[in-house]
Amino acid sequence: MGFSVVRTRDEAHLYLELHSCPDCGTDEAPWQQALVDVDGELSISYSAVCPGCGAEREYLFGVPDRETPVRGWPTFGGPEPSDVIDAGQWLEVAERLVAAVPTDRTEAGRALAIARAAVAEVIKFVPEGLDAVPDEEFWTVEGRANRETDPGRFRLQRLLLTRDRYAELAEQLGAR
């Protein structure tokens, strides 16, 4: 069967936030997590009843081969790129957070820390020896659309500068 692997709880929760209810558009739900057996394959299930329309929702993910060490917050994954969120979606998350940084200093620091981590995830899609994220790493409609608005944002040097700037700003606000 081979479900796409979700590397950490933080990545799973972000994936769920990015996938609103297909029936009513509500993007929040009381998700319940469980390990389940699907046709002999151990999988991670996230299920909920949509608070907006009552639809039952479930997402199944593969279990990683090895546990991803949690180092700080947020921890989206290890050294490998995501299987469930594409490069364009990661950068969209970062840019959305930075465009609406809260006025509260603590919340602003948290938003910038997530933005930094999201850009770090985009960088994982750049193979060694290349200078940009390859086209095949944009597999969702949203990811491809984000890339089309300005493909230069996915050049490695620009991504590294962006990640470092977000890290500096987060640190100035006391986020870790």
C-alpha atoms as a PDB file:
ATOM      1  CA  MET A   1       0.000   0.000   0.000  1.00  0.00           C
ATOM      2  CA  GLY A   2       2.779   2.443   0.963  1.00  0.00           C
ATOM      3  CA  PHE A   3       1.379   5.560   2.582  1.00  0.00           C
ATOM      4  CA  SER A   4       3.434   8.757   2.424  1.00  0.00           C
ATOM      5  CA  VAL A   5       5.585   9.007   5.531  1.00  0.00           C
ATOM      6  CA  VAL A   6       5.085  11.803   8.017  1.00  0.00           C
ATOM      7  CA  ARG A   7       8.354  12.371   9.869  1.00  0.00           C
ATOM      8  CA  THR A   8       7.172  14.108  13.055  1.00  0.00           C
ATOM      9  CA  ARG A   9       4.076  15.211  14.913  1.00  0.00           C
ATOM     10  CA  ASP A  10       4.805  18.850  13.969  1.00  0.00           C
ATOM     11  CA  GLU A  11       4.872  17.917  10.278  1.00  0.00           C
ATOM     12  CA  ALA A  12       1.633  15.935  10.588  1.00  0.00           C
ATOM     13  CA  HIS A  13      -0.127  18.836  12.294  1.00  0.00           C
ATOM     14  CA  LEU A  14       1.043  21.285   9.639  1.00  0.00           C
ATOM     15  CA  TYR A  15      -0.161  18.912   6.912  1.00  0.00           C
ATOM     16  CA  LEU A  16      -3.569  18.748   8.595  1.00  0.00           C
ATOM     17  CA  GLU A  17      -3.714  22.560   8.821  1.00  0.00           C
ATOM     18  CA  LEU A  18      -2.972  22.784   5.105  1.00  0.00           C
ATOM     19  CA  HIS A  19      -5.862  20.446   4.262  1.00  0.00           C
ATOM     20  CA  SER A  20      -9.128  22.043   5.284  1.00  0.00           C
ATOM     21  CA  CYS A  21     -12.392  20.126   5.247  1.00  0.00           C
ATOM     22  CA  PRO A  22     -13.309  19.406   1.617  1.00  0.00           C
ATOM     23  CA  ASP A  23     -17.015  19.774   2.454  1.00  0.00           C
ATOM     24  CA  CYS A  24     -17.098  23.103   4.330  1.00  0.00           C
ATOM     25  CA  GLY A  25     -13.570  24.546   4.317  1.00  0.00           C
ATOM     26  CA  THR A  26     -13.072  24.488   8.092  1.00  0.00           C
ATOM     27  CA  ASP A  27      -9.352  24.245   8.796  1.00  0.00           C
ATOM     28  CA  GLU A  28      -9.531  23.189  12.433  1.00  0.00           C
ATOM     29  CA  ALA A  29     -10.568  19.854  13.855  1.00  0.00           C
ATOM     30  CA  PRO A  30     -10.077  17.883  17.093  1.00  0.00           C
ATOM     31  CA  TRP A  31      -7.599  15.403  15.585  1.00  0.00           C
ATOM     32  CA  GLN A  32      -7.050  12.065  17.289  1.00  0.00           C
ATOM     33  CA  GLN A  33      -3.820  10.207  16.530  1.00  0.00           C
ATOM     34  CA  ALA A  34      -3.436   6.423  16.626  1.00  0.00           C
ATOM     35  CA  LEU A  35      -1.219   3.679  15.275  1.00  0.00           C
ATOM     36  CA  VAL A  36      -3.339   1.379  13.107  1.00  0.00           C
ATOM     37  CA  ASP A  37      -2.870  -1.738  11.035  1.00  0.00           C
ATOM     38  CA  VAL A  38      -3.974  -1.276   7.423  1.00  0.00           C
ATOM     39  CA  ASP A  39      -3.752  -4.514   5.461  1.00  0.00           C
ATOM     40  CA  GLY A  40      -0.791  -5.656   7.571  1.00  0.00           C
ATOM     41  CA  GLU A  41       1.029  -2.329   7.366  1.00  0.00           C
ATOM     42  CA  LEU A  42       1.568  -0.222  10.490  1.00  0.00           C
ATOM     43  CA  SER A  43       0.318   3.298   9.815  1.00  0.00           C
ATOM     44  CA  ILE A  44      -0.393   6.539  11.652  1.00  0.00           C
ATOM     45  CA  SER A  45      -4.033   7.610  11.569  1.00  0.00           C
ATOM     46  CA  TYR A  46      -5.281  11.123  12.221  1.00  0.00           C
ATOM     47  CA  SER A  47      -9.061  11.218  12.426  1.00  0.00           C
ATOM     48  CA  ALA A  48     -11.614  13.828  13.431  1.00  0.00           C
ATOM     49  CA  VAL A  49     -15.193  14.911  13.022  1.00  0.00           C
ATOM     50  CA  CYS A  50     -15.298  18.318  11.333  1.00  0.00           C
ATOM     51  CA  PRO A  51     -16.707  20.919  13.764  1.00  0.00           C
ATOM     52  CA  GLY A  52     -18.078  22.905  10.809  1.00  0.00           C
ATOM     53  CA  CYS A  53     -20.182  20.282   9.036  1.00  0.00           C
ATOM     54  CA  GLY A  54     -19.867  17.023  10.971  1.00  0.00           C
ATOM     55  CA  ALA A  55     -18.004  15.171   8.185  1.00  0.00           C
ATOM     56  CA  GLU A  56     -15.761  12.346   9.326  1.00  0.00           C
ATOM     57  CA  ARG A  57     -12.187  12.888   8.174  1.00  0.00           C
ATOM     58  CA  GLU A  58      -9.161  10.599   8.281  1.00  0.00           C
ATOM     59  CA  TYR A  59      -5.619  10.777   6.978  1.00  0.00           C
ATOM     60  CA  LEU A  60      -3.262   7.793   6.985  1.00  0.00           C
ATOM     61  CA  PHE A  61       0.515   8.165   6.950  1.00  0.00           C
ATOM     62  CA  GLY A  62       3.388   5.739   6.785  1.00  0.00           C
ATOM     63  CA  VAL A  63       5.592   5.270   9.827  1.00  0.00           C
ATOM     64  CA  PRO A  64       9.193   6.509   9.430  1.00  0.00           C
ATOM     65  CA  ASP A  65      11.921   3.860   9.337  1.00  0.00           C
ATOM     66  CA  ARG A  66      13.642   5.619  12.227  1.00  0.00           C
ATOM     67  CA  GLU A  67      12.543   8.155  14.787  1.00  0.00           C
ATOM     68  CA  THR A  68      13.382  11.765  13.997  1.00  0.00           C
ATOM     69  CA  PRO A  69      15.260  13.316  16.922  1.00  0.00           C
ATOM     70  CA  VAL A  70      13.446  16.338  18.299  1.00  0.00           C
ATOM     71  CA  ARG A  71      15.839  19.267  18.503  1.00  0.00           C
ATOM     72  CA  GLY A  72      14.015  22.395  19.494  1.00  0.00           C
ATOM     73  CA  TRP A  73      10.698  23.616  18.273  1.00  0.00           C
ATOM     74  CA  PRO A  74       9.333  23.146  15.734  1.00  0.00           C
ATOM     75  CA  THR A  75      10.804  19.884  14.490  1.00  0.00           C
ATOM     76  CA  PHE A  76       9.360  19.029  11.108  1.00  0.00           C
ATOM     77  CA  GLY A  77      11.784  16.285  10.114  1.00  0.00           C
ATOM     78  CA  GLY A  78      15.269  14.899   9.826  1.00  0.00           C
ATOM     79  CA  PRO A  79      17.784  15.476   7.023  1.00  0.00           C
ATOM     80  CA  GLU A  80      15.511  14.111   4.286  1.00  0.00           C
ATOM     81  CA  PRO A  81      12.837  16.214   2.526  1.00  0.00           C
ATOM     82  CA  SER A  82       9.161  15.794   3.286  1.00  0.00           C
ATOM     83  CA  ASP A  83       7.005  13.206   1.534  1.00  0.00           C
ATOM     84  CA  VAL A  84       3.745  14.995   2.374  1.00  0.00           C
ATOM     85  CA  ILE A  85       4.386  18.740   1.993  1.00  0.00           C
ATOM     86  CA  ASP A  86       6.106  19.933  -1.173  1.00  0.00           C
ATOM     87  CA  ALA A  87       8.723  22.676  -1.519  1.00  0.00           C
ATOM     88  CA  GLY A  88       6.211  25.285  -2.686  1.00  0.00           C
ATOM     89  CA  GLN A  89       3.872  24.593   0.214  1.00  0.00           C
ATOM     90  CA  TRP A  90       6.715  24.920   2.746  1.00  0.00           C
ATOM     91  CA  LEU A  91       7.723  28.323   1.375  1.00  0.00           C
ATOM     92  CA  GLU A  92       4.088  29.447   1.289  1.00  0.00           C
ATOM     93  CA  VAL A  93       3.802  28.604   5.002  1.00  0.00           C
ATOM     94  CA  ALA A  94       6.912  30.674   5.778  1.00  0.00           C
ATOM     95  CA  GLU A  95       5.839  33.645   3.680  1.00  0.00           C
ATOM     96  CA  ARG A  96       2.312  33.650   5.095  1.00  0.00           C
ATOM     97  CA  LEU A  97       3.661  33.701   8.648  1.00  0.00           C
ATOM     98  CA  VAL A  98       6.115  36.509   7.927  1.00  0.00           C
ATOM     99  CA  ALA A  99       3.456  38.563   6.116  1.00  0.00           C
ATOM    100  CA  ALA A 100       1.247  38.487   9.208  1.00  0.00           C
ATOM    101  CA  VAL A 101       3.737  38.583  12.096  1.00  0.00           C
ATOM    102  CA  PRO A 102       1.774  39.226  15.305  1.00  0.00           C
ATOM    103  CA  THR A 103       2.417  42.408  17.285  1.00  0.00           C
ATOM    104  CA  ASP A 104       2.955  40.438  20.491  1.00  0.00           C
ATOM    105  CA  ARG A 105       6.708  39.930  20.808  1.00  0.00           C
ATOM    106  CA  THR A 106       6.497  36.307  21.991  1.00  0.00           C
ATOM    107  CA  GLU A 107       4.003  35.308  19.300  1.00  0.00           C
ATOM    108  CA  ALA A 108       6.063  37.126  16.668  1.00  0.00           C
ATOM    109  CA  GLY A 109       9.137  35.161  17.733  1.00  0.00           C
ATOM    110  CA  ARG A 110       7.199  31.892  17.492  1.00  0.00           C
ATOM    111  CA  ALA A 111       5.894  32.770  14.018  1.00  0.00           C
ATOM    112  CA  LEU A 112       9.407  33.604  12.822  1.00  0.00           C
ATOM    113  CA  ALA A 113      10.788  30.375  14.322  1.00  0.00           C
ATOM    114  CA  ILE A 114       8.199  28.374  12.361  1.00  0.00           C
ATOM    115  CA  ALA A 115       8.964  30.403   9.215  1.00  0.00           C
ATOM    116  CA  ARG A 116      12.696  29.691   9.631  1.00  0.00           C
ATOM    117  CA  ALA A 117      12.027  25.977  10.085  1.00  0.00           C
ATOM    118  CA  ALA A 118       9.731  25.929   7.029  1.00  0.00           C
ATOM    119  CA  VAL A 119      12.440  27.531   4.853  1.00  0.00           C
ATOM    120  CA  ALA A 120      14.932  24.986   6.215  1.00  0.00           C
ATOM    121  CA  GLU A 121      12.538  22.297   4.955  1.00  0.00           C
ATOM    122  CA  VAL A 122      12.555  23.832   1.461  1.00  0.00           C
ATOM    123  CA  ILE A 123      16.365  23.710   1.442  1.00  0.00           C
ATOM    124  CA  LYS A 124      16.216  19.924   1.977  1.00  0.00           C
ATOM    125  CA  PHE A 125      14.681  19.607  -1.504  1.00  0.00           C
ATOM    126  CA  VAL A 126      17.835  20.992  -3.176  1.00  0.00           C
ATOM    127  CA  PRO A 127      20.058  18.045  -4.123  1.00  0.00           C
ATOM    128  CA  GLU A 128      23.783  18.362  -3.547  1.00  0.00           C
ATOM    129  CA  GLY A 129      25.420  20.001  -6.556  1.00  0.00           C
ATOM    130  CA  LEU A 130      22.301  21.884  -7.680  1.00  0.00           C
ATOM    131  CA  ASP A 131      21.535  25.531  -7.018  1.00  0.00           C
ATOM    132  CA  ALA A 132      17.731  25.404  -6.873  1.00  0.00           C
ATOM    133  CA  VAL A 133      14.790  23.185  -5.999  1.00  0.00           C
ATOM    134  CA  PRO A 134      14.111  20.891  -9.003  1.00  0.00           C
ATOM    135  CA  ASP A 135      10.722  21.045 -10.743  1.00  0.00           C
ATOM    136  CA  GLU A 136       9.685  17.564  -9.564  1.00  0.00           C
ATOM    137  CA  GLU A 137       9.690  18.745  -5.926  1.00  0.00           C
ATOM    138  CA  PHE A 138       6.509  20.751  -6.594  1.00  0.00           C
ATOM    139  CA  TRP A 139       3.878  18.016  -6.758  1.00  0.00           C
ATOM    140  CA  THR A 140       0.786  19.835  -5.462  1.00  0.00           C
ATOM    141  CA  VAL A 141      -1.325  22.420  -7.261  1.00  0.00           C
ATOM    142  CA  GLU A 142      -0.597  24.885  -4.437  1.00  0.00           C
ATOM    143  CA  GLY A 143       3.138  24.217  -4.522  1.00  0.00           C
ATOM    144  CA  ARG A 144       3.384  24.650  -8.289  1.00  0.00           C
ATOM    145  CA  ALA A 145       1.325  27.855  -8.162  1.00  0.00           C
ATOM    146  CA  ASN A 146       3.591  29.281  -5.464  1.00  0.00           C
ATOM    147  CA  ARG A 147       6.674  28.468  -7.524  1.00  0.00           C
ATOM    148  CA  GLU A 148       5.194  30.129 -10.607  1.00  0.00           C
ATOM    149  CA  THR A 149       4.794  33.493  -8.829  1.00  0.00           C
ATOM    150  CA  ASP A 150       8.591  33.876  -8.493  1.00  0.00           C
ATOM    151  CA  PRO A 151      10.788  30.848  -9.252  1.00  0.00           C
ATOM    152  CA  GLY A 152      13.888  32.741  -8.036  1.00  0.00           C
ATOM    153  CA  ARG A 153      12.705  32.324  -4.448  1.00  0.00           C
ATOM    154  CA  PHE A 154      13.625  28.635  -4.760  1.00  0.00           C
ATOM    155  CA  ARG A 155      17.298  29.242  -5.559  1.00  0.00           C
ATOM    156  CA  LEU A 156      19.538  27.823  -2.841  1.00  0.00           C
ATOM    157  CA  GLN A 157      21.428  31.036  -2.072  1.00  0.00           C
ATOM    158  CA  ARG A 158      18.208  32.996  -1.642  1.00  0.00           C
ATOM    159  CA  LEU A 159      16.722  30.278   0.554  1.00  0.00           C
ATOM    160  CA  LEU A 160      19.815  30.241   2.787  1.00  0.00           C
ATOM    161  CA  LEU A 161      19.707  34.030   3.188  1.00  0.00           C
ATOM    162  CA  THR A 162      15.984  33.961   3.953  1.00  0.00           C
ATOM    163  CA  ARG A 163      16.356  31.167   6.528  1.00  0.00           C
ATOM    164  CA  ASP A 164      19.213  32.983   8.255  1.00  0.00           C
ATOM    165  CA  ARG A 165      17.337  36.294   8.337  1.00  0.00           C
ATOM    166  CA  TYR A 166      14.259  34.666   9.876  1.00  0.00           C
ATOM    167  CA  ALA A 167      16.509  32.966  12.449  1.00  0.00           C
ATOM    168  CA  GLU A 168      18.125  36.320  13.364  1.00  0.00           C
ATOM    169  CA  LEU A 169      14.752  37.992  13.765  1.00  0.00           C
ATOM    170  CA  ALA A 170      13.371  35.112  15.836  1.00  0.00           C
ATOM    171  CA  GLU A 171      16.431  35.179  18.083  1.00  0.00           C
ATOM    172  CA  GLN A 172      16.080  38.937  18.595  1.00  0.00           C
ATOM    173  CA  LEU A 173      12.537  38.286  19.804  1.00  0.00           C
ATOM    174  CA  GLY A 174      13.671  35.528  22.142  1.00  0.00           C
ATOM    175  CA  ALA A 175      12.335  32.537  20.174  1.00  0.00           C
ATOM    176  CA  ARG A 176      14.469  29.406  20.055  1.00  0.00           C
END
